[in-house]
Amino acid sequence: ELTIKKSYIEGLGLFAKEFISANTKFGISHIKDDRFENNYIRTPLGGFVNHSTTPNCEFYKDGDYIILRAIRHINIGHELTAEYWLYDMSS
């Protein structure tokens, strides 16, 4: 249901190949691991989600994992975005 392609936001991004309903869970974006910056290692899923202050997805903690899910319907061709809270956006 997702593909990676050039983003209008930055670099590459995740895009919907089909209509995605709100509350769809996409999977694990980060795994807790104290050896890495911010104590998490990012999965490929987490590596292609671009930041937005008006996101259509959200990251949420579930034990030692951070999961990505849709917070509203996403139409075909639209980029998946989330508001970053694990990383410092000012640097």
PDB file of N, CA and C in Angstrom:
ATOM      1  N   GLU A   1       0.803  -1.212   0.000  1.00  0.00           N
ATOM      2  CA  GLU A   1       0.000   0.000   0.000  1.00  0.00           C
ATOM      3  C   GLU A   1       0.839   1.266   0.000  1.00  0.00           C
ATOM      4  N   LEU A   2       2.187   1.111   0.182  1.00  0.00           N
ATOM      5  CA  LEU A   2       3.087   2.265   0.214  1.00  0.00           C
ATOM      6  C   LEU A   2       4.194   2.117  -0.819  1.00  0.00           C
ATOM      7  N   THR A   3       4.733   3.251  -1.239  1.00  0.00           N
ATOM      8  CA  THR A   3       5.898   3.261  -2.113  1.00  0.00           C
ATOM      9  C   THR A   3       6.812   4.407  -1.697  1.00  0.00           C
ATOM     10  N   ILE A   4       8.057   4.317  -2.087  1.00  0.00           N
ATOM     11  CA  ILE A   4       9.033   5.368  -1.809  1.00  0.00           C
ATOM     12  C   ILE A   4       9.307   6.109  -3.105  1.00  0.00           C
ATOM     13  N   LYS A   5       9.231   7.439  -3.047  1.00  0.00           N
ATOM     14  CA  LYS A   5       9.578   8.239  -4.221  1.00  0.00           C
ATOM     15  C   LYS A   5       9.999   9.630  -3.776  1.00  0.00           C
ATOM     16  N   LYS A   6      10.409  10.452  -4.731  1.00  0.00           N
ATOM     17  CA  LYS A   6      10.889  11.798  -4.434  1.00  0.00           C
ATOM     18  C   LYS A   6       9.807  12.598  -3.714  1.00  0.00           C
ATOM     19  N   SER A   7      10.234  13.246  -2.636  1.00  0.00           N
ATOM     20  CA  SER A   7       9.323  14.036  -1.817  1.00  0.00           C
ATOM     21  C   SER A   7       9.425  15.509  -2.176  1.00  0.00           C
ATOM     22  N   TYR A   8       8.302  16.211  -2.089  1.00  0.00           N
ATOM     23  CA  TYR A   8       8.321  17.668  -2.245  1.00  0.00           C
ATOM     24  C   TYR A   8       8.799  18.333  -0.958  1.00  0.00           C
ATOM     25  N   ILE A   9       8.844  17.578   0.138  1.00  0.00           N
ATOM     26  CA  ILE A   9       9.286  18.114   1.427  1.00  0.00           C
ATOM     27  C   ILE A   9      10.801  18.059   1.518  1.00  0.00           C
ATOM     28  N   GLU A  10      11.359  16.846   1.370  1.00  0.00           N
ATOM     29  CA  GLU A  10      12.812  16.670   1.418  1.00  0.00           C
ATOM     30  C   GLU A  10      13.179  15.252   1.013  1.00  0.00           C
ATOM     31  N   GLY A  11      14.145  15.115   0.151  1.00  0.00           N
ATOM     32  CA  GLY A  11      14.669  13.804  -0.225  1.00  0.00           C
ATOM     33  C   GLY A  11      13.608  12.856  -0.731  1.00  0.00           C
ATOM     34  N   LEU A  12      13.568  11.671  -0.127  1.00  0.00           N
ATOM     35  CA  LEU A  12      12.578  10.660  -0.469  1.00  0.00           C
ATOM     36  C   LEU A  12      11.506  10.607   0.611  1.00  0.00           C
ATOM     37  N   GLY A  13      10.330  10.141   0.254  1.00  0.00           N
ATOM     38  CA  GLY A  13       9.244  10.028   1.215  1.00  0.00           C
ATOM     39  C   GLY A  13       8.392   8.805   0.938  1.00  0.00           C
ATOM     40  N   LEU A  14       7.485   8.519   1.848  1.00  0.00           N
ATOM     41  CA  LEU A  14       6.517   7.425   1.699  1.00  0.00           C
ATOM     42  C   LEU A  14       5.225   7.970   1.117  1.00  0.00           C
ATOM     43  N   PHE A  15       4.699   7.278   0.121  1.00  0.00           N
ATOM     44  CA  PHE A  15       3.480   7.711  -0.547  1.00  0.00           C
ATOM     45  C   PHE A  15       2.473   6.572  -0.607  1.00  0.00           C
ATOM     46  N   ALA A  16       1.198   6.930  -0.542  1.00  0.00           N
ATOM     47  CA  ALA A  16       0.111   5.948  -0.599  1.00  0.00           C
ATOM     48  C   ALA A  16      -0.097   5.467  -2.034  1.00  0.00           C
ATOM     49  N   LYS A  17      -0.065   4.144  -2.225  1.00  0.00           N
ATOM     50  CA  LYS A  17      -0.364   3.548  -3.529  1.00  0.00           C
ATOM     51  C   LYS A  17      -1.851   3.228  -3.664  1.00  0.00           C
ATOM     52  N   GLU A  18      -2.556   3.267  -2.528  1.00  0.00           N
ATOM     53  CA  GLU A  18      -3.992   3.024  -2.496  1.00  0.00           C
ATOM     54  C   GLU A  18      -4.582   3.847  -1.353  1.00  0.00           C
ATOM     55  N   PHE A  19      -5.881   3.964  -1.313  1.00  0.00           N
ATOM     56  CA  PHE A  19      -6.542   4.696  -0.233  1.00  0.00           C
ATOM     57  C   PHE A  19      -6.221   4.030   1.103  1.00  0.00           C
ATOM     58  N   ILE A  20      -5.873   4.843   2.094  1.00  0.00           N
ATOM     59  CA  ILE A  20      -5.542   4.336   3.431  1.00  0.00           C
ATOM     60  C   ILE A  20      -6.506   4.948   4.438  1.00  0.00           C
ATOM     61  N   SER A  21      -7.148   4.120   5.217  1.00  0.00           N
ATOM     62  CA  SER A  21      -8.102   4.577   6.230  1.00  0.00           C
ATOM     63  C   SER A  21      -7.386   5.102   7.466  1.00  0.00           C
ATOM     64  N   ALA A  22      -8.018   6.050   8.137  1.00  0.00           N
ATOM     65  CA  ALA A  22      -7.516   6.536   9.420  1.00  0.00           C
ATOM     66  C   ALA A  22      -7.356   5.353  10.364  1.00  0.00           C
ATOM     67  N   ASN A  23      -6.379   5.429  11.250  1.00  0.00           N
ATOM     68  CA  ASN A  23      -6.051   4.409  12.250  1.00  0.00           C
ATOM     69  C   ASN A  23      -5.340   3.185  11.679  1.00  0.00           C
ATOM     70  N   THR A  24      -4.977   3.210  10.395  1.00  0.00           N
ATOM     71  CA  THR A  24      -4.190   2.122   9.838  1.00  0.00           C
ATOM     72  C   THR A  24      -2.803   2.134  10.475  1.00  0.00           C
ATOM     73  N   LYS A  25      -2.367   0.988  10.975  1.00  0.00           N
ATOM     74  CA  LYS A  25      -1.021   0.864  11.545  1.00  0.00           C
ATOM     75  C   LYS A  25      -0.088   0.362  10.448  1.00  0.00           C
ATOM     76  N   PHE A  26       1.032   1.071  10.279  1.00  0.00           N
ATOM     77  CA  PHE A  26       1.988   0.704   9.231  1.00  0.00           C
ATOM     78  C   PHE A  26       3.097  -0.185   9.752  1.00  0.00           C
ATOM     79  N   GLY A  27       3.380  -0.127  11.038  1.00  0.00           N
ATOM     80  CA  GLY A  27       4.414  -0.975  11.608  1.00  0.00           C
ATOM     81  C   GLY A  27       5.395  -0.199  12.466  1.00  0.00           C
ATOM     82  N   ILE A  28       6.500  -0.860  12.779  1.00  0.00           N
ATOM     83  CA  ILE A  28       7.509  -0.317  13.693  1.00  0.00           C
ATOM     84  C   ILE A  28       8.421   0.649  12.947  1.00  0.00           C
ATOM     85  N   SER A  29       8.521   1.858  13.467  1.00  0.00           N
ATOM     86  CA  SER A  29       9.396   2.869  12.864  1.00  0.00           C
ATOM     87  C   SER A  29      10.718   3.012  13.618  1.00  0.00           C
ATOM     88  N   HIS A  30      10.726   2.665  14.900  1.00  0.00           N
ATOM     89  CA  HIS A  30      11.925   2.760  15.740  1.00  0.00           C
ATOM     90  C   HIS A  30      11.888   1.648  16.793  1.00  0.00           C
ATOM     91  N   ILE A  31      13.088   1.172  17.174  1.00  0.00           N
ATOM     92  CA  ILE A  31      13.223   0.144  18.202  1.00  0.00           C
ATOM     93  C   ILE A  31      14.163   0.669  19.278  1.00  0.00           C
ATOM     94  N   LYS A  32      13.752   0.529  20.535  1.00  0.00           N
ATOM     95  CA  LYS A  32      14.576   1.012  21.651  1.00  0.00           C
ATOM     96  C   LYS A  32      15.902   0.277  21.666  1.00  0.00           C
ATOM     97  N   ASP A  33      16.985   1.045  21.705  1.00  0.00           N
ATOM     98  CA  ASP A  33      18.341   0.489  21.761  1.00  0.00           C
ATOM     99  C   ASP A  33      19.262   1.594  22.265  1.00  0.00           C
ATOM    100  N   ASP A  34      19.745   1.450  23.486  1.00  0.00           N
ATOM    101  CA  ASP A  34      20.532   2.494  24.141  1.00  0.00           C
ATOM    102  C   ASP A  34      21.860   2.796  23.461  1.00  0.00           C
ATOM    103  N   ARG A  35      22.264   1.987  22.506  1.00  0.00           N
ATOM    104  CA  ARG A  35      23.519   2.233  21.796  1.00  0.00           C
ATOM    105  C   ARG A  35      23.401   3.326  20.742  1.00  0.00           C
ATOM    106  N   PHE A  36      22.180   3.793  20.461  1.00  0.00           N
ATOM    107  CA  PHE A  36      21.965   4.749  19.385  1.00  0.00           C
ATOM    108  C   PHE A  36      21.478   6.097  19.908  1.00  0.00           C
ATOM    109  N   GLU A  37      21.642   7.121  19.059  1.00  0.00           N
ATOM    110  CA  GLU A  37      21.192   8.471  19.393  1.00  0.00           C
ATOM    111  C   GLU A  37      19.719   8.441  19.795  1.00  0.00           C
ATOM    112  N   ASN A  38      19.388   9.167  20.826  1.00  0.00           N
ATOM    113  CA  ASN A  38      18.020   9.230  21.355  1.00  0.00           C
ATOM    114  C   ASN A  38      17.512   7.877  21.875  1.00  0.00           C
ATOM    115  N   ASN A  39      18.420   6.904  22.006  1.00  0.00           N
ATOM    116  CA  ASN A  39      18.113   5.570  22.530  1.00  0.00           C
ATOM    117  C   ASN A  39      17.178   4.744  21.658  1.00  0.00           C
ATOM    118  N   TYR A  40      17.110   5.072  20.381  1.00  0.00           N
ATOM    119  CA  TYR A  40      16.307   4.302  19.425  1.00  0.00           C
ATOM    120  C   TYR A  40      17.079   4.142  18.128  1.00  0.00           C
ATOM    121  N   ILE A  41      16.857   3.025  17.454  1.00  0.00           N
ATOM    122  CA  ILE A  41      17.352   2.836  16.103  1.00  0.00           C
ATOM    123  C   ILE A  41      16.143   2.905  15.174  1.00  0.00           C
ATOM    124  N   ARG A  42      16.303   3.616  14.088  1.00  0.00           N
ATOM    125  CA  ARG A  42      15.209   3.824  13.140  1.00  0.00           C
ATOM    126  C   ARG A  42      15.169   2.665  12.145  1.00  0.00           C
ATOM    127  N   THR A  43      13.994   2.170  11.863  1.00  0.00           N
ATOM    128  CA  THR A  43      13.808   1.136  10.845  1.00  0.00           C
ATOM    129  C   THR A  43      13.682   1.812   9.480  1.00  0.00           C
ATOM    130  N   PRO A  44      13.725   1.051   8.389  1.00  0.00           N
ATOM    131  CA  PRO A  44      13.512   1.680   7.078  1.00  0.00           C
ATOM    132  C   PRO A  44      12.180   2.434   6.993  1.00  0.00           C
ATOM    133  N   LEU A  45      11.139   1.917   7.628  1.00  0.00           N
ATOM    134  CA  LEU A  45       9.852   2.619   7.636  1.00  0.00           C
ATOM    135  C   LEU A  45      10.009   4.018   8.226  1.00  0.00           C
ATOM    136  N   GLY A  46      10.665   4.120   9.368  1.00  0.00           N
ATOM    137  CA  GLY A  46      10.862   5.409  10.021  1.00  0.00           C
ATOM    138  C   GLY A  46      11.789   6.336   9.257  1.00  0.00           C
ATOM    139  N   GLY A  47      12.651   5.757   8.432  1.00  0.00           N
ATOM    140  CA  GLY A  47      13.625   6.548   7.690  1.00  0.00           C
ATOM    141  C   GLY A  47      13.055   7.332   6.527  1.00  0.00           C
ATOM    142  N   PHE A  48      11.853   7.003   6.079  1.00  0.00           N
ATOM    143  CA  PHE A  48      11.288   7.671   4.913  1.00  0.00           C
ATOM    144  C   PHE A  48      10.078   8.544   5.218  1.00  0.00           C
ATOM    145  N   VAL A  49       9.733   8.686   6.492  1.00  0.00           N
ATOM    146  CA  VAL A  49       8.604   9.546   6.870  1.00  0.00           C
ATOM    147  C   VAL A  49       9.135  10.960   7.074  1.00  0.00           C
ATOM    148  N   ASN A  50       8.595  11.914   6.335  1.00  0.00           N
ATOM    149  CA  ASN A  50       9.018  13.305   6.471  1.00  0.00           C
ATOM    150  C   ASN A  50       8.178  14.044   7.500  1.00  0.00           C
ATOM    151  N   HIS A  51       8.793  15.073   8.078  1.00  0.00           N
ATOM    152  CA  HIS A  51       8.158  15.888   9.116  1.00  0.00           C
ATOM    153  C   HIS A  51       7.129  16.848   8.514  1.00  0.00           C
ATOM    154  N   SER A  52       6.059  17.061   9.270  1.00  0.00           N
ATOM    155  CA  SER A  52       5.055  18.073   8.927  1.00  0.00           C
ATOM    156  C   SER A  52       4.400  18.573  10.207  1.00  0.00           C
ATOM    157  N   THR A  53       4.050  19.853  10.222  1.00  0.00           N
ATOM    158  CA  THR A  53       3.293  20.392  11.357  1.00  0.00           C
ATOM    159  C   THR A  53       1.788  20.161  11.171  1.00  0.00           C
ATOM    160  N   THR A  54       1.402  19.666   9.999  1.00  0.00           N
ATOM    161  CA  THR A  54       0.013  19.263   9.727  1.00  0.00           C
ATOM    162  C   THR A  54       0.035  17.827   9.184  1.00  0.00           C
ATOM    163  N   PRO A  55       0.431  16.873  10.030  1.00  0.00           N
ATOM    164  CA  PRO A  55       0.658  15.500   9.567  1.00  0.00           C
ATOM    165  C   PRO A  55      -0.629  14.719   9.325  1.00  0.00           C
ATOM    166  N   ASN A  56      -0.481  13.635   8.546  1.00  0.00           N
ATOM    167  CA  ASN A  56      -1.590  12.692   8.370  1.00  0.00           C
ATOM    168  C   ASN A  56      -1.321  11.375   9.104  1.00  0.00           C
ATOM    169  N   CYS A  57      -0.148  11.294   9.763  1.00  0.00           N
ATOM    170  CA  CYS A  57       0.228  10.117  10.553  1.00  0.00           C
ATOM    171  C   CYS A  57       0.793  10.574  11.889  1.00  0.00           C
ATOM    172  N   GLU A  58       0.963   9.610  12.790  1.00  0.00           N
ATOM    173  CA  GLU A  58       1.614   9.913  14.059  1.00  0.00           C
ATOM    174  C   GLU A  58       2.484   8.742  14.480  1.00  0.00           C
ATOM    175  N   PHE A  59       3.521   9.076  15.248  1.00  0.00           N
ATOM    176  CA  PHE A  59       4.351   8.070  15.903  1.00  0.00           C
ATOM    177  C   PHE A  59       3.815   7.925  17.325  1.00  0.00           C
ATOM    178  N   TYR A  60       3.754   6.695  17.842  1.00  0.00           N
ATOM    179  CA  TYR A  60       3.376   6.499  19.237  1.00  0.00           C
ATOM    180  C   TYR A  60       4.190   5.352  19.827  1.00  0.00           C
ATOM    181  N   LYS A  61       4.462   5.456  21.115  1.00  0.00           N
ATOM    182  CA  LYS A  61       5.247   4.433  21.803  1.00  0.00           C
ATOM    183  C   LYS A  61       4.374   3.249  22.182  1.00  0.00           C
ATOM    184  N   ASP A  62       4.955   2.055  22.024  1.00  0.00           N
ATOM    185  CA  ASP A  62       4.326   0.797  22.422  1.00  0.00           C
ATOM    186  C   ASP A  62       5.441  -0.079  22.989  1.00  0.00           C
ATOM    187  N   GLY A  63       5.685   0.045  24.289  1.00  0.00           N
ATOM    188  CA  GLY A  63       6.786  -0.688  24.918  1.00  0.00           C
ATOM    189  C   GLY A  63       8.123  -0.194  24.399  1.00  0.00           C
ATOM    190  N   ASP A  64       8.923  -1.097  23.855  1.00  0.00           N
ATOM    191  CA  ASP A  64      10.241  -0.749  23.327  1.00  0.00           C
ATOM    192  C   ASP A  64      10.195  -0.334  21.855  1.00  0.00           C
ATOM    193  N   TYR A  65       9.014  -0.108  21.332  1.00  0.00           N
ATOM    194  CA  TYR A  65       8.857   0.227  19.918  1.00  0.00           C
ATOM    195  C   TYR A  65       8.142   1.568  19.751  1.00  0.00           C
ATOM    196  N   ILE A  66       8.413   2.218  18.628  1.00  0.00           N
ATOM    197  CA  ILE A  66       7.617   3.358  18.196  1.00  0.00           C
ATOM    198  C   ILE A  66       6.930   2.914  16.913  1.00  0.00           C
ATOM    199  N   ILE A  67       5.634   3.084  16.871  1.00  0.00           N
ATOM    200  CA  ILE A  67       4.793   2.617  15.772  1.00  0.00           C
ATOM    201  C   ILE A  67       4.289   3.825  14.978  1.00  0.00           C
ATOM    202  N   LEU A  68       4.109   3.629  13.676  1.00  0.00           N
ATOM    203  CA  LEU A  68       3.545   4.667  12.812  1.00  0.00           C
ATOM    204  C   LEU A  68       2.122   4.274  12.442  1.00  0.00           C
ATOM    205  N   ARG A  69       1.180   5.218  12.591  1.00  0.00           N
ATOM    206  CA  ARG A  69      -0.197   4.968  12.170  1.00  0.00           C
ATOM    207  C   ARG A  69      -0.784   6.227  11.540  1.00  0.00           C
ATOM    208  N   ALA A  70      -1.791   6.012  10.696  1.00  0.00           N
ATOM    209  CA  ALA A  70      -2.511   7.119  10.058  1.00  0.00           C
ATOM    210  C   ALA A  70      -3.461   7.740  11.069  1.00  0.00           C
ATOM    211  N   ILE A  71      -3.518   9.062  11.108  1.00  0.00           N
ATOM    212  CA  ILE A  71      -4.461   9.731  12.011  1.00  0.00           C
ATOM    213  C   ILE A  71      -5.651  10.309  11.248  1.00  0.00           C
ATOM    214  N   ARG A  72      -5.606  10.202   9.931  1.00  0.00           N
ATOM    215  CA  ARG A  72      -6.765  10.559   9.097  1.00  0.00           C
ATOM    216  C   ARG A  72      -6.643   9.789   7.784  1.00  0.00           C
ATOM    217  N   HIS A  73      -7.672   9.818   6.978  1.00  0.00           N
ATOM    218  CA  HIS A  73      -7.646   9.130   5.695  1.00  0.00           C
ATOM    219  C   HIS A  73      -6.552   9.740   4.819  1.00  0.00           C
ATOM    220  N   ILE A  74      -5.892   8.876   4.044  1.00  0.00           N
ATOM    221  CA  ILE A  74      -4.831   9.316   3.140  1.00  0.00           C
ATOM    222  C   ILE A  74      -5.193   8.835   1.736  1.00  0.00           C
ATOM    223  N   ASN A  75      -5.281   9.771   0.809  1.00  0.00           N
ATOM    224  CA  ASN A  75      -5.657   9.443  -0.563  1.00  0.00           C
ATOM    225  C   ASN A  75      -4.462   8.936  -1.368  1.00  0.00           C
ATOM    226  N   ILE A  76      -4.761   8.220  -2.430  1.00  0.00           N
ATOM    227  CA  ILE A  76      -3.737   7.703  -3.338  1.00  0.00           C
ATOM    228  C   ILE A  76      -2.834   8.848  -3.793  1.00  0.00           C
ATOM    229  N   GLY A  77      -1.529   8.611  -3.749  1.00  0.00           N
ATOM    230  CA  GLY A  77      -0.564   9.597  -4.218  1.00  0.00           C
ATOM    231  C   GLY A  77      -0.103  10.589  -3.174  1.00  0.00           C
ATOM    232  N   HIS A  78      -0.748  10.630  -2.019  1.00  0.00           N
ATOM    233  CA  HIS A  78      -0.368  11.587  -0.983  1.00  0.00           C
ATOM    234  C   HIS A  78       0.797  11.038  -0.161  1.00  0.00           C
ATOM    235  N   GLU A  79       1.654  11.958   0.280  1.00  0.00           N
ATOM    236  CA  GLU A  79       2.802  11.575   1.094  1.00  0.00           C
ATOM    237  C   GLU A  79       2.388  11.385   2.554  1.00  0.00           C
ATOM    238  N   LEU A  80       2.955  10.372   3.183  1.00  0.00           N
ATOM    239  CA  LEU A  80       2.740  10.161   4.617  1.00  0.00           C
ATOM    240  C   LEU A  80       3.689  11.067   5.384  1.00  0.00           C
ATOM    241  N   THR A  81       3.160  11.811   6.337  1.00  0.00           N
ATOM    242  CA  THR A  81       3.968  12.729   7.142  1.00  0.00           C
ATOM    243  C   THR A  81       3.592  12.576   8.611  1.00  0.00           C
ATOM    244  N   ALA A  82       4.520  12.956   9.471  1.00  0.00           N
ATOM    245  CA  ALA A  82       4.277  12.911  10.914  1.00  0.00           C
ATOM    246  C   ALA A  82       5.052  14.043  11.559  1.00  0.00           C
ATOM    247  N   GLU A  83       4.605  14.450  12.719  1.00  0.00           N
ATOM    248  CA  GLU A  83       5.333  15.467  13.472  1.00  0.00           C
ATOM    249  C   GLU A  83       6.407  14.757  14.292  1.00  0.00           C
ATOM    250  N   TYR A  84       7.662  15.149  14.066  1.00  0.00           N
ATOM    251  CA  TYR A  84       8.775  14.519  14.792  1.00  0.00           C
ATOM    252  C   TYR A  84       8.772  14.994  16.234  1.00  0.00           C
ATOM    253  N   TRP A  85       9.014  14.072  17.158  1.00  0.00           N
ATOM    254  CA  TRP A  85       9.183  14.443  18.570  1.00  0.00           C
ATOM    255  C   TRP A  85      10.384  13.729  19.190  1.00  0.00           C
ATOM    256  N   LEU A  86      10.963  12.791  18.454  1.00  0.00           N
ATOM    257  CA  LEU A  86      12.129  12.080  18.963  1.00  0.00           C
ATOM    258  C   LEU A  86      13.419  12.810  18.638  1.00  0.00           C
ATOM    259  N   TYR A  87      13.415  13.595  17.573  1.00  0.00           N
ATOM    260  CA  TYR A  87      14.614  14.291  17.104  1.00  0.00           C
ATOM    261  C   TYR A  87      14.493  15.782  17.295  1.00  0.00           C
ATOM    262  N   ASP A  88      15.633  16.438  17.491  1.00  0.00           N
ATOM    263  CA  ASP A  88      15.686  17.889  17.625  1.00  0.00           C
ATOM    264  C   ASP A  88      15.597  18.514  16.227  1.00  0.00           C
ATOM    265  N   MET A  89      14.510  19.197  15.931  1.00  0.00           N
ATOM    266  CA  MET A  89      14.298  19.777  14.616  1.00  0.00           C
ATOM    267  C   MET A  89      15.075  21.075  14.391  1.00  0.00           C
ATOM    268  N   SER A  90      15.674  21.629  15.429  1.00  0.00           N
ATOM    269  CA  SER A  90      16.374  22.924  15.300  1.00  0.00           C
ATOM    270  C   SER A  90      17.788  22.773  14.750  1.00  0.00           C
ATOM    271  N   SER A  91      18.322  21.551  14.704  1.00  0.00           N
ATOM    272  CA  SER A  91      19.707  21.376  14.234  1.00  0.00           C
ATOM    273  C   SER A  91      19.763  21.040  12.763  1.00  0.00           C
TER     274      SER A  91
END
